[in-house]
């Protein structure tokens, strides 16, 4: 087999980080990397990211890419730290520009914060990237956020926050730039690859259960509780919007978004650095 896929589960955020490698050339890509972050103490740790680095070094991989499926709201990206450790270009969907423009206003950033995506090494549209002798096809998947993309490598799909494990359904669509109809269409695009394997970005298993990292498209079409082959677009949109109206704000939304729209780094160049929390009066 000329392709290796290794998931790493970040339990605190329920996130999967993947290392995908072309075994012909030993080139690798990291997808959706995480820092450990303790909100109450404001402490960032590289413990989880170090397991990824060690795996890459143990296998003598030459890291080529660090790919984000979008600017996450539930964990802080360790992309910059990983780049320092193992190399690789940091890529994200070109829709990050819209996300940056929105949150620049939310956080009251001044003009020193660029909203052209220049913090990232490469802004991605629907295109092909090289991973050694393999190809990575970038697929636009808006609906959860403006910058959401999936990555297709051979018959494997790394789908980010589009569709979740069957018992969880799909991503929420109430974030800025979110749209349930757009997400429905994006998931149909994913479902069109019926002989492929979906590699999930998240799972939230109950106690003593193992997290689910992958599932076939065929099985997802049959068993997803929110979006399956029997669910119409209208039914999905209505149910998704109703569900979103009941959801709480993710607890790491403000720290994570500030960090992640800046390509996984703080705005200050020296520690200690500070993050903003917008306060609203009711």
Protein backbone atom coordinates (compact mmCIF):
# COMPACT_ATOMS: atom_id res chain seq x y z
CA UNK A 1 0.00 0.00 0.00
CA UNK A 2 1.51 3.32 -1.05
CA UNK A 3 -0.51 5.53 1.31
CA UNK A 4 -0.39 5.59 5.11
CA UNK A 5 -3.05 7.26 7.28
CA UNK A 6 -2.52 7.65 11.02
CA UNK A 7 -5.16 9.33 13.20
CA UNK A 8 -4.32 10.97 16.53
CA UNK A 9 -7.28 11.68 18.82
CA UNK A 10 -7.20 14.87 20.89
CA UNK A 11 -9.55 13.86 23.67
CA UNK A 12 -10.05 17.29 25.24
CA UNK A 13 -11.55 18.75 22.06
CA UNK A 14 -12.79 15.54 20.44
CA UNK A 15 -10.60 16.30 17.41
CA UNK A 16 -8.72 13.99 15.06
CA UNK A 17 -5.37 15.11 13.71
CA UNK A 18 -4.15 13.02 10.78
CA UNK A 19 -0.72 12.28 9.36
CA UNK A 20 -1.06 11.10 5.76
CA UNK A 21 2.06 9.86 4.00
CA UNK A 22 3.06 8.81 0.50
CA UNK A 23 5.12 5.70 1.24
CA UNK A 24 6.82 5.82 -2.14
CA UNK A 25 8.59 9.09 -1.30
CA UNK A 26 8.03 9.35 2.49
CA UNK A 27 6.42 12.78 2.11
CA UNK A 28 3.72 13.52 4.69
CA UNK A 29 0.90 15.95 5.38
CA UNK A 30 -0.59 16.87 8.74
CA UNK A 31 -4.32 17.63 8.74
CA UNK A 32 -6.01 19.66 11.51
CA UNK A 33 -3.27 19.89 14.17
CA UNK A 34 -4.07 20.75 17.81
CA UNK A 35 -2.48 22.39 20.80
CA UNK A 36 -3.47 21.44 24.32
CA UNK A 37 -5.11 24.49 25.89
CA UNK A 38 -6.40 24.95 29.42
CA UNK A 39 -8.87 27.82 29.42
CA UNK A 40 -8.96 28.38 33.17
CA UNK A 41 -5.19 28.85 33.47
CA UNK A 42 -4.54 30.18 29.96
CA UNK A 43 -1.87 27.52 29.46
CA UNK A 44 -0.86 26.17 26.04
CA UNK A 45 0.99 22.85 25.86
CA UNK A 46 2.55 20.92 22.99
CA UNK A 47 2.12 17.48 24.59
CA UNK A 48 -0.37 16.26 21.98
CA UNK A 49 1.48 17.86 19.08
CA UNK A 50 4.70 16.22 20.24
CA UNK A 51 3.18 12.79 19.62
CA UNK A 52 2.62 13.82 16.00
CA UNK A 53 6.20 15.08 15.68
CA UNK A 54 7.60 11.88 17.18
CA UNK A 55 5.55 9.75 14.78
CA UNK A 56 6.84 11.72 11.78
CA UNK A 57 10.44 11.45 12.97
CA UNK A 58 10.14 7.75 13.82
CA UNK A 59 8.99 7.07 10.25
CA UNK A 60 11.54 9.39 8.63
CA UNK A 61 8.80 11.34 6.89
CA UNK A 62 9.54 14.60 5.09
CA UNK A 63 6.61 16.78 6.01
CA UNK A 64 5.27 18.71 3.03
CA UNK A 65 1.97 20.19 4.21
CA UNK A 66 0.11 21.31 7.33
CA UNK A 67 -3.51 21.56 6.19
CA UNK A 68 -6.47 23.08 8.00
CA UNK A 69 -10.01 22.11 6.99
CA UNK A 70 -11.12 25.52 8.35
CA UNK A 71 -10.42 27.96 11.19
CA UNK A 72 -11.67 25.80 14.05
CA UNK A 73 -13.69 27.13 16.97
CA UNK A 74 -13.06 24.25 19.39
CA UNK A 75 -9.28 23.97 19.58
CA UNK A 76 -6.16 26.03 19.01
CA UNK A 77 -4.12 25.02 15.98
CA UNK A 78 -0.51 23.96 16.53
CA UNK A 79 0.33 24.58 12.87
CA UNK A 80 3.09 27.12 13.49
CA UNK A 81 4.82 25.03 16.14
CA UNK A 82 4.67 21.94 13.93
CA UNK A 83 6.11 23.90 11.03
CA UNK A 84 9.09 24.79 13.22
CA UNK A 85 9.54 21.16 14.24
CA UNK A 86 9.00 19.22 11.00
CA UNK A 87 8.44 21.78 8.23
CA UNK A 88 5.61 22.00 5.73
CA UNK A 89 3.51 24.72 4.14
CA UNK A 90 0.40 25.80 6.06
CA UNK A 91 -2.68 25.77 3.84
CA UNK A 92 -6.32 26.71 4.38
CA UNK A 93 -9.35 27.43 2.20
CA UNK A 94 -9.33 30.83 0.50
CA UNK A 95 -12.60 31.65 2.29
CA UNK A 96 -10.47 32.41 5.36
CA UNK A 97 -10.35 35.98 4.05
CA UNK A 98 -14.08 36.40 4.75
CA UNK A 99 -13.66 34.83 8.18
CA UNK A 100 -10.81 37.22 8.99
CA UNK A 101 -12.79 40.22 7.79
CA UNK A 102 -15.72 39.30 10.03
CA UNK A 103 -13.73 38.63 13.17
CA UNK A 104 -11.49 41.65 12.74
CA UNK A 105 -14.60 43.69 13.50
CA UNK A 106 -15.80 41.36 16.28
CA UNK A 107 -12.50 41.64 18.15
CA UNK A 108 -11.86 45.28 17.32
CA UNK A 109 -8.49 44.58 15.71
CA UNK A 110 -6.68 47.53 14.17
CA UNK A 111 -5.25 47.63 10.65
CA UNK A 112 -2.12 45.78 11.69
CA UNK A 113 -4.22 42.61 11.44
CA UNK A 114 -4.20 41.59 7.77
CA UNK A 115 -7.42 40.21 6.30
CA UNK A 116 -5.92 38.90 3.07
CA UNK A 117 -4.94 35.46 4.36
CA UNK A 118 -1.24 36.34 4.20
CA UNK A 119 -0.62 34.67 7.58
CA UNK A 120 -0.92 31.33 5.77
CA UNK A 121 1.58 29.93 3.27
CA UNK A 122 -1.08 29.00 0.74
CA UNK A 123 -4.77 29.84 0.29
CA UNK A 124 -6.55 26.92 -1.34
CA UNK A 125 -9.30 26.81 -3.91
CA UNK A 126 -10.56 23.70 -5.68
CA UNK A 127 -7.21 22.48 -6.95
CA UNK A 128 -4.70 19.68 -6.71
CA UNK A 129 -1.68 19.64 -4.42
CA UNK A 130 1.19 17.18 -4.56
CA UNK A 131 2.04 14.85 -1.70
CA UNK A 132 5.12 13.04 -2.91
CA UNK A 133 3.80 11.01 -5.85
CA UNK A 134 0.19 11.28 -4.63
CA UNK A 135 -2.32 14.04 -5.32
CA UNK A 136 -4.39 15.92 -2.76
CA UNK A 137 -7.61 17.23 -4.28
CA UNK A 138 -9.02 20.25 -2.45
CA UNK A 139 -12.83 20.30 -2.36
CA UNK A 140 -14.73 23.44 -1.30
CA UNK A 141 -17.30 22.52 1.36
CA UNK A 142 -18.92 25.76 2.61
CA UNK A 143 -21.88 25.75 4.96
CA UNK A 144 -20.32 25.35 8.37
CA UNK A 145 -17.94 28.25 7.65
CA UNK A 146 -16.85 30.22 4.60
CA UNK A 147 -13.39 28.66 4.54
CA UNK A 148 -14.35 25.00 4.92
CA UNK A 149 -12.61 22.54 2.61
CA UNK A 150 -12.19 18.77 2.43
CA UNK A 151 -9.13 16.92 1.17
CA UNK A 152 -9.39 13.90 -1.14
CA UNK A 153 -6.34 11.63 -1.29
CA UNK A 154 -6.85 8.49 -3.39
CA UNK A 155 -10.18 7.11 -2.12
CA UNK A 156 -9.95 8.86 1.25
CA UNK A 157 -11.86 12.02 2.20
CA UNK A 158 -10.80 14.23 5.12
CA UNK A 159 -13.99 16.16 5.62
CA UNK A 160 -13.40 18.57 8.50
CA UNK A 161 -16.57 19.88 10.16
CA UNK A 162 -19.06 18.93 7.48
CA UNK A 163 -20.49 15.55 8.33
CA UNK A 164 -19.96 13.85 11.70
CA UNK A 165 -20.28 10.29 12.96
CA UNK A 166 -23.72 8.80 12.15
CA UNK A 167 -25.07 9.29 15.67
CA UNK A 168 -24.05 12.98 15.66
CA UNK A 169 -25.22 14.09 12.21
CA UNK A 170 -23.51 17.14 10.74
CA UNK A 171 -21.85 20.41 11.64
CA UNK A 172 -23.74 23.42 12.94
CA UNK A 173 -24.48 26.24 10.51
CA UNK A 174 -25.01 29.20 12.85
CA UNK A 175 -21.43 30.47 12.74
CA UNK A 176 -20.66 33.60 10.66
CA UNK A 177 -20.88 32.61 7.01
CA UNK A 178 -22.73 29.42 7.89
CA UNK A 179 -25.66 28.27 5.79
CA UNK A 180 -27.61 25.02 6.10
CA UNK A 181 -28.47 24.83 2.40
CA UNK A 182 -24.83 25.31 1.44
CA UNK A 183 -23.77 22.61 3.91
CA UNK A 184 -26.39 20.23 2.51
CA UNK A 185 -24.91 20.70 -0.97
CA UNK A 186 -21.37 20.28 0.35
CA UNK A 187 -22.27 17.00 2.04
CA UNK A 188 -23.95 15.77 -1.14
CA UNK A 189 -20.64 16.48 -2.89
CA UNK A 190 -18.90 14.28 -0.32
CA UNK A 191 -21.57 11.59 -0.62
CA UNK A 192 -21.06 11.47 -4.39
CA UNK A 193 -17.79 9.59 -3.79
CA UNK A 194 -19.62 6.39 -2.91
CA UNK A 195 -16.59 4.07 -2.98
CA UNK A 196 -14.58 6.31 -0.64
CA UNK A 197 -13.76 6.38 3.06
CA UNK A 198 -14.66 9.43 5.17
CA UNK A 199 -12.12 10.41 7.82
CA UNK A 200 -13.89 12.46 10.47
CA UNK A 201 -12.55 15.58 12.15
CA UNK A 202 -14.43 14.98 15.39
CA UNK A 203 -16.06 12.39 17.57
CA UNK A 204 -17.42 12.66 21.09
CA UNK A 205 -17.68 9.07 22.32
CA UNK A 206 -19.48 8.14 25.49
CA UNK A 207 -17.40 6.89 28.39
CA UNK A 208 -15.44 3.69 27.64
CA UNK A 209 -16.29 3.85 23.92
CA UNK A 210 -13.60 4.22 21.29
CA UNK A 211 -13.83 7.32 19.05
CA UNK A 212 -14.80 6.70 15.44
CA UNK A 213 -12.24 8.11 13.02
CA UNK A 214 -13.45 6.69 9.71
CA UNK A 215 -16.53 5.32 7.99
CA UNK A 216 -17.45 4.48 4.42
CA UNK A 217 -19.54 6.91 2.41
CA UNK A 218 -22.00 4.08 1.73
CA UNK A 219 -22.50 3.46 5.45
CA UNK A 220 -22.84 7.16 6.17
CA UNK A 221 -25.55 7.46 3.53
CA UNK A 222 -27.50 4.71 5.25
CA UNK A 223 -27.06 5.58 8.90
CA UNK A 224 -26.42 9.31 9.49
CA UNK A 225 -29.23 10.57 11.71
CA UNK A 226 -29.42 14.04 10.15
CA UNK A 227 -28.41 13.65 6.52
CA UNK A 228 -28.88 10.32 4.77
CA UNK A 229 -30.17 9.07 1.44
CA UNK A 230 -33.79 9.34 2.64
CA UNK A 231 -33.58 12.93 3.98
CA UNK A 232 -34.69 15.69 1.62
CA UNK A 233 -32.93 19.02 1.40
CA UNK A 234 -35.93 20.79 2.94
CA UNK A 235 -36.10 18.33 5.85
CA UNK A 236 -32.39 18.67 6.52
CA UNK A 237 -32.37 22.48 6.42
CA UNK A 238 -35.40 22.73 8.69
CA UNK A 239 -33.99 20.28 11.23
CA UNK A 240 -30.48 21.76 11.10
CA UNK A 241 -31.69 25.32 11.68
CA UNK A 242 -33.97 24.20 14.51
CA UNK A 243 -31.13 22.33 16.18
CA UNK A 244 -28.70 25.25 15.77
CA UNK A 245 -31.10 27.61 17.54
CA UNK A 246 -30.66 25.55 20.72
CA UNK A 247 -26.86 25.25 20.74
CA UNK A 248 -24.58 27.05 23.15
CA UNK A 249 -21.53 29.02 22.06
CA UNK A 250 -18.46 26.70 22.05
CA UNK A 251 -16.43 27.35 25.20
CA UNK A 252 -13.20 27.93 23.25
CA UNK A 253 -14.76 29.96 20.44
CA UNK A 254 -13.06 33.29 21.14
CA UNK A 255 -9.57 32.02 22.03
CA UNK A 256 -9.58 29.45 19.23
CA UNK A 257 -10.84 31.74 16.47
CA UNK A 258 -8.39 34.52 17.35
CA UNK A 259 -5.53 32.07 17.24
CA UNK A 260 -6.63 30.14 14.18
CA UNK A 261 -7.47 33.02 11.83
CA UNK A 262 -3.87 34.09 12.44
CA UNK A 263 -2.57 30.71 11.20
CA UNK A 264 -2.11 29.26 14.66
CA UNK A 265 -0.13 31.98 16.36
CA UNK A 266 -0.77 34.85 18.78
CA UNK A 267 -0.68 38.46 17.64
CA UNK A 268 2.00 39.46 20.11
CA UNK A 269 5.54 38.35 19.35
CA UNK A 270 6.62 37.91 22.97
CA UNK A 271 5.06 36.23 25.98
CA UNK A 272 2.92 36.74 27.89
CA UNK A 273 0.42 37.46 25.14
CA UNK A 274 -3.27 38.24 25.47
CA UNK A 275 -6.51 37.23 23.79
CA UNK A 276 -9.71 39.26 23.65
CA UNK A 277 -13.20 38.26 24.75
CA UNK A 278 -15.98 40.50 23.39
CA UNK A 279 -18.44 41.40 26.12
CA UNK A 280 -22.10 41.98 25.28
CA UNK A 281 -24.58 43.71 27.58
CA UNK A 282 -28.15 42.42 27.61
